[in-house]
Amino acid sequence: MLASYLDQAMEIAVYEIIEDEGTYWGEIPGLQGVWARHQTLEGCRRELREALSDWVALRLRLGLPIPEIAGIDLNHITQPV
């Protein structure tokens, strides 16, 4: 379920080129604080997925709500993270 959530979240990620710096910026709409920046698009995607994974783990640990994505609701996971 967690892997599916991460995959679906990455599907809605948006990326842009920061031309002044020659880097890529990525974020996932609706998930405040989940962003990444890297010199390559692939690096940005990799960093964004890591940021997303850390963000989800922290919110689960703290009992904070996690927005539902593509019908996947992580707010009712009963197993420890």
PDB file of N, CA and C in Angstrom:
ATOM      1  N   MET A   1       0.819  -1.187   0.000  1.00  0.00           N
ATOM      2  CA  MET A   1       0.000   0.000   0.000  1.00  0.00           C
ATOM      3  C   MET A   1       0.872   1.264   0.000  1.00  0.00           C
ATOM      4  N   LEU A   2       1.932   1.269   0.812  1.00  0.00           N
ATOM      5  CA  LEU A   2       2.814   2.427   0.871  1.00  0.00           C
ATOM      6  C   LEU A   2       3.516   2.652  -0.470  1.00  0.00           C
ATOM      7  N   ALA A   3       4.014   1.580  -1.069  1.00  0.00           N
ATOM      8  CA  ALA A   3       4.695   1.705  -2.367  1.00  0.00           C
ATOM      9  C   ALA A   3       3.734   2.240  -3.427  1.00  0.00           C
ATOM     10  N   SER A   4       2.490   1.790  -3.390  1.00  0.00           N
ATOM     11  CA  SER A   4       1.490   2.278  -4.347  1.00  0.00           C
ATOM     12  C   SER A   4       1.224   3.764  -4.138  1.00  0.00           C
ATOM     13  N   TYR A   5       1.157   4.181  -2.882  1.00  0.00           N
ATOM     14  CA  TYR A   5       0.943   5.595  -2.577  1.00  0.00           C
ATOM     15  C   TYR A   5       2.090   6.433  -3.134  1.00  0.00           C
ATOM     16  N   LEU A   6       3.317   5.986  -2.878  1.00  0.00           N
ATOM     17  CA  LEU A   6       4.485   6.713  -3.371  1.00  0.00           C
ATOM     18  C   LEU A   6       4.475   6.784  -4.898  1.00  0.00           C
ATOM     19  N   ASP A   7       4.164   5.662  -5.546  1.00  0.00           N
ATOM     20  CA  ASP A   7       4.114   5.628  -7.015  1.00  0.00           C
ATOM     21  C   ASP A   7       3.062   6.594  -7.556  1.00  0.00           C
ATOM     22  N   GLN A   8       1.873   6.586  -6.960  1.00  0.00           N
ATOM     23  CA  GLN A   8       0.791   7.456  -7.426  1.00  0.00           C
ATOM     24  C   GLN A   8       1.126   8.927  -7.180  1.00  0.00           C
ATOM     25  N   ALA A   9       1.746   9.214  -6.048  1.00  0.00           N
ATOM     26  CA  ALA A   9       2.139  10.594  -5.756  1.00  0.00           C
ATOM     27  C   ALA A   9       3.170  11.081  -6.770  1.00  0.00           C
ATOM     28  N   MET A  10       4.108  10.221  -7.125  1.00  0.00           N
ATOM     29  CA  MET A  10       5.130  10.599  -8.103  1.00  0.00           C
ATOM     30  C   MET A  10       4.518  10.830  -9.483  1.00  0.00           C
ATOM     31  N   GLU A  11       3.404  10.165  -9.761  1.00  0.00           N
ATOM     32  CA  GLU A  11       2.722  10.358 -11.050  1.00  0.00           C
ATOM     33  C   GLU A  11       2.163  11.776 -11.204  1.00  0.00           C
ATOM     34  N   ILE A  12       1.832  12.423 -10.078  1.00  0.00           N
ATOM     35  CA  ILE A  12       1.267  13.774 -10.159  1.00  0.00           C
ATOM     36  C   ILE A  12       2.312  14.860  -9.893  1.00  0.00           C
ATOM     37  N   ALA A  13       3.557  14.450  -9.721  1.00  0.00           N
ATOM     38  CA  ALA A  13       4.633  15.419  -9.488  1.00  0.00           C
ATOM     39  C   ALA A  13       4.773  16.348 -10.688  1.00  0.00           C
ATOM     40  N   VAL A  14       5.154  17.582 -10.401  1.00  0.00           N
ATOM     41  CA  VAL A  14       5.408  18.555 -11.459  1.00  0.00           C
ATOM     42  C   VAL A  14       6.858  19.020 -11.353  1.00  0.00           C
ATOM     43  N   TYR A  15       7.442  19.276 -12.502  1.00  0.00           N
ATOM     44  CA  TYR A  15       8.850  19.657 -12.566  1.00  0.00           C
ATOM     45  C   TYR A  15       8.996  20.908 -13.418  1.00  0.00           C
ATOM     46  N   GLU A  16       9.984  21.705 -13.082  1.00  0.00           N
ATOM     47  CA  GLU A  16      10.308  22.848 -13.925  1.00  0.00           C
ATOM     48  C   GLU A  16      11.816  23.074 -13.895  1.00  0.00           C
ATOM     49  N   ILE A  17      12.290  23.708 -14.928  1.00  0.00           N
ATOM     50  CA  ILE A  17      13.714  24.026 -15.014  1.00  0.00           C
ATOM     51  C   ILE A  17      13.919  25.425 -14.447  1.00  0.00           C
ATOM     52  N   ILE A  18      14.859  25.545 -13.525  1.00  0.00           N
ATOM     53  CA  ILE A  18      15.251  26.851 -12.995  1.00  0.00           C
ATOM     54  C   ILE A  18      16.420  27.309 -13.875  1.00  0.00           C
ATOM     55  N   GLU A  19      16.118  28.074 -14.891  1.00  0.00           N
ATOM     56  CA  GLU A  19      17.119  28.400 -15.905  1.00  0.00           C
ATOM     57  C   GLU A  19      18.286  29.202 -15.353  1.00  0.00           C
ATOM     58  N   ASP A  20      18.037  30.093 -14.403  1.00  0.00           N
ATOM     59  CA  ASP A  20      19.121  30.896 -13.828  1.00  0.00           C
ATOM     60  C   ASP A  20      20.188  30.023 -13.185  1.00  0.00           C
ATOM     61  N   GLU A  21      19.765  28.913 -12.602  1.00  0.00           N
ATOM     62  CA  GLU A  21      20.675  28.029 -11.872  1.00  0.00           C
ATOM     63  C   GLU A  21      21.028  26.776 -12.652  1.00  0.00           C
ATOM     64  N   GLY A  22      20.282  26.499 -13.712  1.00  0.00           N
ATOM     65  CA  GLY A  22      20.519  25.279 -14.477  1.00  0.00           C
ATOM     66  C   GLY A  22      20.156  24.020 -13.714  1.00  0.00           C
ATOM     67  N   THR A  23      19.134  24.132 -12.857  1.00  0.00           N
ATOM     68  CA  THR A  23      18.699  22.981 -12.064  1.00  0.00           C
ATOM     69  C   THR A  23      17.224  22.699 -12.320  1.00  0.00           C
ATOM     70  N   TYR A  24      16.796  21.552 -11.848  1.00  0.00           N
ATOM     71  CA  TYR A  24      15.393  21.152 -11.938  1.00  0.00           C
ATOM     72  C   TYR A  24      14.766  21.243 -10.553  1.00  0.00           C
ATOM     73  N   TRP A  25      13.531  21.675 -10.520  1.00  0.00           N
ATOM     74  CA  TRP A  25      12.732  21.769  -9.297  1.00  0.00           C
ATOM     75  C   TRP A  25      11.540  20.843  -9.467  1.00  0.00           C
ATOM     76  N   GLY A  26      11.247  20.055  -8.437  1.00  0.00           N
ATOM     77  CA  GLY A  26      10.085  19.181  -8.481  1.00  0.00           C
ATOM     78  C   GLY A  26       9.294  19.281  -7.195  1.00  0.00           C
ATOM     79  N   GLU A  27       7.982  19.136  -7.311  1.00  0.00           N
ATOM     80  CA  GLU A  27       7.117  19.137  -6.135  1.00  0.00           C
ATOM     81  C   GLU A  27       5.883  18.303  -6.430  1.00  0.00           C
ATOM     82  N   ILE A  28       5.187  17.944  -5.361  1.00  0.00           N
ATOM     83  CA  ILE A  28       3.962  17.168  -5.502  1.00  0.00           C
ATOM     84  C   ILE A  28       2.813  18.028  -4.985  1.00  0.00           C
ATOM     85  N   PRO A  29       1.931  18.468  -5.881  1.00  0.00           N
ATOM     86  CA  PRO A  29       0.819  19.324  -5.472  1.00  0.00           C
ATOM     87  C   PRO A  29      -0.016  18.676  -4.360  1.00  0.00           C
ATOM     88  N   GLY A  30      -0.354  19.486  -3.371  1.00  0.00           N
ATOM     89  CA  GLY A  30      -1.185  19.004  -2.275  1.00  0.00           C
ATOM     90  C   GLY A  30      -0.408  18.412  -1.115  1.00  0.00           C
ATOM     91  N   LEU A  31       0.906  18.217  -1.299  1.00  0.00           N
ATOM     92  CA  LEU A  31       1.736  17.669  -0.223  1.00  0.00           C
ATOM     93  C   LEU A  31       2.750  18.738   0.174  1.00  0.00           C
ATOM     94  N   GLN A  32       2.329  19.598   1.080  1.00  0.00           N
ATOM     95  CA  GLN A  32       3.134  20.745   1.480  1.00  0.00           C
ATOM     96  C   GLN A  32       4.486  20.313   2.035  1.00  0.00           C
ATOM     97  N   GLY A  33       5.536  20.892   1.501  1.00  0.00           N
ATOM     98  CA  GLY A  33       6.883  20.606   1.979  1.00  0.00           C
ATOM     99  C   GLY A  33       7.584  19.485   1.242  1.00  0.00           C
ATOM    100  N   VAL A  34       6.906  18.855   0.289  1.00  0.00           N
ATOM    101  CA  VAL A  34       7.531  17.770  -0.478  1.00  0.00           C
ATOM    102  C   VAL A  34       8.052  18.366  -1.785  1.00  0.00           C
ATOM    103  N   TRP A  35       9.356  18.611  -1.827  1.00  0.00           N
ATOM    104  CA  TRP A  35       9.984  19.198  -3.006  1.00  0.00           C
ATOM    105  C   TRP A  35      11.429  18.731  -3.086  1.00  0.00           C
ATOM    106  N   ALA A  36      12.017  18.946  -4.247  1.00  0.00           N
ATOM    107  CA  ALA A  36      13.421  18.590  -4.453  1.00  0.00           C
ATOM    108  C   ALA A  36      14.002  19.475  -5.545  1.00  0.00           C
ATOM    109  N   ARG A  37      15.325  19.589  -5.523  1.00  0.00           N
ATOM    110  CA  ARG A  37      16.044  20.332  -6.551  1.00  0.00           C
ATOM    111  C   ARG A  37      17.330  19.574  -6.857  1.00  0.00           C
ATOM    112  N   HIS A  38      17.665  19.477  -8.142  1.00  0.00           N
ATOM    113  CA  HIS A  38      18.865  18.736  -8.545  1.00  0.00           C
ATOM    114  C   HIS A  38      19.315  19.231  -9.912  1.00  0.00           C
ATOM    115  N   GLN A  39      20.552  18.919 -10.256  1.00  0.00           N
ATOM    116  CA  GLN A  39      21.105  19.351 -11.543  1.00  0.00           C
ATOM    117  C   GLN A  39      20.500  18.606 -12.734  1.00  0.00           C
ATOM    118  N   THR A  40      19.971  17.399 -12.506  1.00  0.00           N
ATOM    119  CA  THR A  40      19.370  16.625 -13.597  1.00  0.00           C
ATOM    120  C   THR A  40      17.927  16.276 -13.247  1.00  0.00           C
ATOM    121  N   LEU A  41      17.131  16.018 -14.282  1.00  0.00           N
ATOM    122  CA  LEU A  41      15.738  15.642 -14.047  1.00  0.00           C
ATOM    123  C   LEU A  41      15.655  14.314 -13.300  1.00  0.00           C
ATOM    124  N   GLU A  42      16.462  13.345 -13.698  1.00  0.00           N
ATOM    125  CA  GLU A  42      16.445  12.050 -12.998  1.00  0.00           C
ATOM    126  C   GLU A  42      16.857  12.204 -11.541  1.00  0.00           C
ATOM    127  N   GLY A  43      17.859  13.023 -11.286  1.00  0.00           N
ATOM    128  CA  GLY A  43      18.280  13.278  -9.909  1.00  0.00           C
ATOM    129  C   GLY A  43      17.182  13.952  -9.114  1.00  0.00           C
ATOM    130  N   CYS A  44      16.475  14.863  -9.751  1.00  0.00           N
ATOM    131  CA  CYS A  44      15.364  15.544  -9.091  1.00  0.00           C
ATOM    132  C   CYS A  44      14.263  14.553  -8.751  1.00  0.00           C
ATOM    133  N   ARG A  45      13.947  13.664  -9.678  1.00  0.00           N
ATOM    134  CA  ARG A  45      12.931  12.635  -9.408  1.00  0.00           C
ATOM    135  C   ARG A  45      13.349  11.743  -8.244  1.00  0.00           C
ATOM    136  N   ARG A  46      14.598  11.346  -8.232  1.00  0.00           N
ATOM    137  CA  ARG A  46      15.111  10.479  -7.161  1.00  0.00           C
ATOM    138  C   ARG A  46      15.034  11.190  -5.802  1.00  0.00           C
ATOM    139  N   GLU A  47      15.486  12.444  -5.769  1.00  0.00           N
ATOM    140  CA  GLU A  47      15.449  13.222  -4.527  1.00  0.00           C
ATOM    141  C   GLU A  47      14.010  13.476  -4.076  1.00  0.00           C
ATOM    142  N   LEU A  48      13.114  13.706  -5.039  1.00  0.00           N
ATOM    143  CA  LEU A  48      11.715  13.958  -4.701  1.00  0.00           C
ATOM    144  C   LEU A  48      11.076  12.720  -4.086  1.00  0.00           C
ATOM    145  N   ARG A  49      11.352  11.561  -4.636  1.00  0.00           N
ATOM    146  CA  ARG A  49      10.794  10.326  -4.072  1.00  0.00           C
ATOM    147  C   ARG A  49      11.322  10.099  -2.649  1.00  0.00           C
ATOM    148  N   GLU A  50      12.595  10.396  -2.424  1.00  0.00           N
ATOM    149  CA  GLU A  50      13.161  10.251  -1.080  1.00  0.00           C
ATOM    150  C   GLU A  50      12.512  11.239  -0.111  1.00  0.00           C
ATOM    151  N   ALA A  51      12.323  12.481  -0.563  1.00  0.00           N
ATOM    152  CA  ALA A  51      11.658  13.480   0.282  1.00  0.00           C
ATOM    153  C   ALA A  51      10.230  13.045   0.602  1.00  0.00           C
ATOM    154  N   LEU A  52       9.530  12.514  -0.386  1.00  0.00           N
ATOM    155  CA  LEU A  52       8.167  12.021  -0.195  1.00  0.00           C
ATOM    156  C   LEU A  52       8.133  10.888   0.823  1.00  0.00           C
ATOM    157  N   SER A  53       9.029   9.945   0.680  1.00  0.00           N
ATOM    158  CA  SER A  53       9.084   8.809   1.598  1.00  0.00           C
ATOM    159  C   SER A  53       9.332   9.272   3.035  1.00  0.00           C
ATOM    160  N   ASP A  54      10.276  10.191   3.208  1.00  0.00           N
ATOM    161  CA  ASP A  54      10.567  10.726   4.544  1.00  0.00           C
ATOM    162  C   ASP A  54       9.373  11.497   5.095  1.00  0.00           C
ATOM    163  N   TRP A  55       8.703  12.267   4.248  1.00  0.00           N
ATOM    164  CA  TRP A  55       7.549  13.065   4.649  1.00  0.00           C
ATOM    165  C   TRP A  55       6.422  12.164   5.138  1.00  0.00           C
ATOM    166  N   VAL A  56       6.140  11.094   4.387  1.00  0.00           N
ATOM    167  CA  VAL A  56       5.083  10.153   4.775  1.00  0.00           C
ATOM    168  C   VAL A  56       5.443   9.478   6.095  1.00  0.00           C
ATOM    169  N   ALA A  57       6.675   9.013   6.227  1.00  0.00           N
ATOM    170  CA  ALA A  57       7.103   8.331   7.458  1.00  0.00           C
ATOM    171  C   ALA A  57       6.963   9.246   8.670  1.00  0.00           C
ATOM    172  N   LEU A  58       7.363  10.495   8.531  1.00  0.00           N
ATOM    173  CA  LEU A  58       7.262  11.441   9.641  1.00  0.00           C
ATOM    174  C   LEU A  58       5.806  11.690  10.018  1.00  0.00           C
ATOM    175  N   ARG A  59       4.957  11.893   9.022  1.00  0.00           N
ATOM    176  CA  ARG A  59       3.546  12.150   9.313  1.00  0.00           C
ATOM    177  C   ARG A  59       2.876  10.938   9.959  1.00  0.00           C
ATOM    178  N   LEU A  60       3.225   9.746   9.513  1.00  0.00           N
ATOM    179  CA  LEU A  60       2.681   8.541  10.146  1.00  0.00           C
ATOM    180  C   LEU A  60       3.145   8.443  11.597  1.00  0.00           C
ATOM    181  N   ARG A  61       4.413   8.703  11.820  1.00  0.00           N
ATOM    182  CA  ARG A  61       4.969   8.614  13.177  1.00  0.00           C
ATOM    183  C   ARG A  61       4.328   9.631  14.117  1.00  0.00           C
ATOM    184  N   LEU A  62       4.081  10.834  13.614  1.00  0.00           N
ATOM    185  CA  LEU A  62       3.509  11.895  14.448  1.00  0.00           C
ATOM    186  C   LEU A  62       1.984  11.872  14.494  1.00  0.00           C
ATOM    187  N   GLY A  63       1.378  10.985  13.727  1.00  0.00           N
ATOM    188  CA  GLY A  63      -0.078  10.897  13.699  1.00  0.00           C
ATOM    189  C   GLY A  63      -0.742  12.048  12.965  1.00  0.00           C
ATOM    190  N   LEU A  64      -0.019  12.663  12.040  1.00  0.00           N
ATOM    191  CA  LEU A  64      -0.566  13.771  11.260  1.00  0.00           C
ATOM    192  C   LEU A  64      -1.292  13.229  10.033  1.00  0.00           C
ATOM    193  N   PRO A  65      -2.323  13.927   9.569  1.00  0.00           N
ATOM    194  CA  PRO A  65      -3.066  13.436   8.404  1.00  0.00           C
ATOM    195  C   PRO A  65      -2.224  13.455   7.133  1.00  0.00           C
ATOM    196  N   ILE A  66      -2.495  12.490   6.284  1.00  0.00           N
ATOM    197  CA  ILE A  66      -1.830  12.365   4.989  1.00  0.00           C
ATOM    198  C   ILE A  66      -2.920  12.427   3.926  1.00  0.00           C
ATOM    199  N   PRO A  67      -2.795  13.347   2.972  1.00  0.00           N
ATOM    200  CA  PRO A  67      -3.825  13.444   1.932  1.00  0.00           C
ATOM    201  C   PRO A  67      -3.964  12.144   1.142  1.00  0.00           C
ATOM    202  N   GLU A  68      -5.194  11.798   0.842  1.00  0.00           N
ATOM    203  CA  GLU A  68      -5.468  10.621   0.017  1.00  0.00           C
ATOM    204  C   GLU A  68      -5.049  10.919  -1.418  1.00  0.00           C
ATOM    205  N   ILE A  69      -4.436   9.944  -2.062  1.00  0.00           N
ATOM    206  CA  ILE A  69      -4.043  10.075  -3.466  1.00  0.00           C
ATOM    207  C   ILE A  69      -4.517   8.836  -4.205  1.00  0.00           C
ATOM    208  N   ALA A  70      -5.226   9.056  -5.305  1.00  0.00           N
ATOM    209  CA  ALA A  70      -5.712   7.966  -6.169  1.00  0.00           C
ATOM    210  C   ALA A  70      -6.463   6.901  -5.368  1.00  0.00           C
ATOM    211  N   GLY A  71      -7.241   7.343  -4.377  1.00  0.00           N
ATOM    212  CA  GLY A  71      -8.024   6.410  -3.574  1.00  0.00           C
ATOM    213  C   GLY A  71      -7.234   5.673  -2.510  1.00  0.00           C
ATOM    214  N   ILE A  72      -5.964   5.999  -2.356  1.00  0.00           N
ATOM    215  CA  ILE A  72      -5.129   5.329  -1.349  1.00  0.00           C
ATOM    216  C   ILE A  72      -5.089   6.208  -0.105  1.00  0.00           C
ATOM    217  N   ASP A  73      -5.568   5.658   1.009  1.00  0.00           N
ATOM    218  CA  ASP A  73      -5.643   6.380   2.274  1.00  0.00           C
ATOM    219  C   ASP A  73      -4.708   5.716   3.278  1.00  0.00           C
ATOM    220  N   LEU A  74      -3.625   6.407   3.611  1.00  0.00           N
ATOM    221  CA  LEU A  74      -2.647   5.865   4.563  1.00  0.00           C
ATOM    222  C   LEU A  74      -2.976   6.216   6.008  1.00  0.00           C
ATOM    223  N   ASN A  75      -4.053   6.930   6.236  1.00  0.00           N
ATOM    224  CA  ASN A  75      -4.371   7.387   7.584  1.00  0.00           C
ATOM    225  C   ASN A  75      -4.868   6.281   8.501  1.00  0.00           C
ATOM    226  N   HIS A  76      -5.119   5.102   7.963  1.00  0.00           N
ATOM    227  CA  HIS A  76      -5.652   4.014   8.783  1.00  0.00           C
ATOM    228  C   HIS A  76      -4.716   2.818   8.834  1.00  0.00           C
ATOM    229  N   ILE A  77      -3.430   3.053   8.622  1.00  0.00           N
ATOM    230  CA  ILE A  77      -2.448   1.969   8.722  1.00  0.00           C
ATOM    231  C   ILE A  77      -2.290   1.607  10.193  1.00  0.00           C
ATOM    232  N   THR A  78      -2.352   0.327  10.489  1.00  0.00           N
ATOM    233  CA  THR A  78      -2.258  -0.110  11.882  1.00  0.00           C
ATOM    234  C   THR A  78      -0.910  -0.721  12.217  1.00  0.00           C
ATOM    235  N   GLN A  79      -0.089  -1.011  11.215  1.00  0.00           N
ATOM    236  CA  GLN A  79       1.226  -1.589  11.474  1.00  0.00           C
ATOM    237  C   GLN A  79       2.214  -0.473  11.781  1.00  0.00           C
ATOM    238  N   PRO A  80       3.195  -0.730  12.665  1.00  0.00           N
ATOM    239  CA  PRO A  80       4.195   0.295  12.967  1.00  0.00           C
ATOM    240  C   PRO A  80       5.035   0.615  11.735  1.00  0.00           C
ATOM    241  N   VAL A  81       5.460   1.858  11.664  1.00  0.00           N
ATOM    242  CA  VAL A  81       6.292   2.308  10.544  1.00  0.00           C
ATOM    243  C   VAL A  81       7.747   2.217  10.926  1.00  0.00           C
TER     244      VAL A  81
END
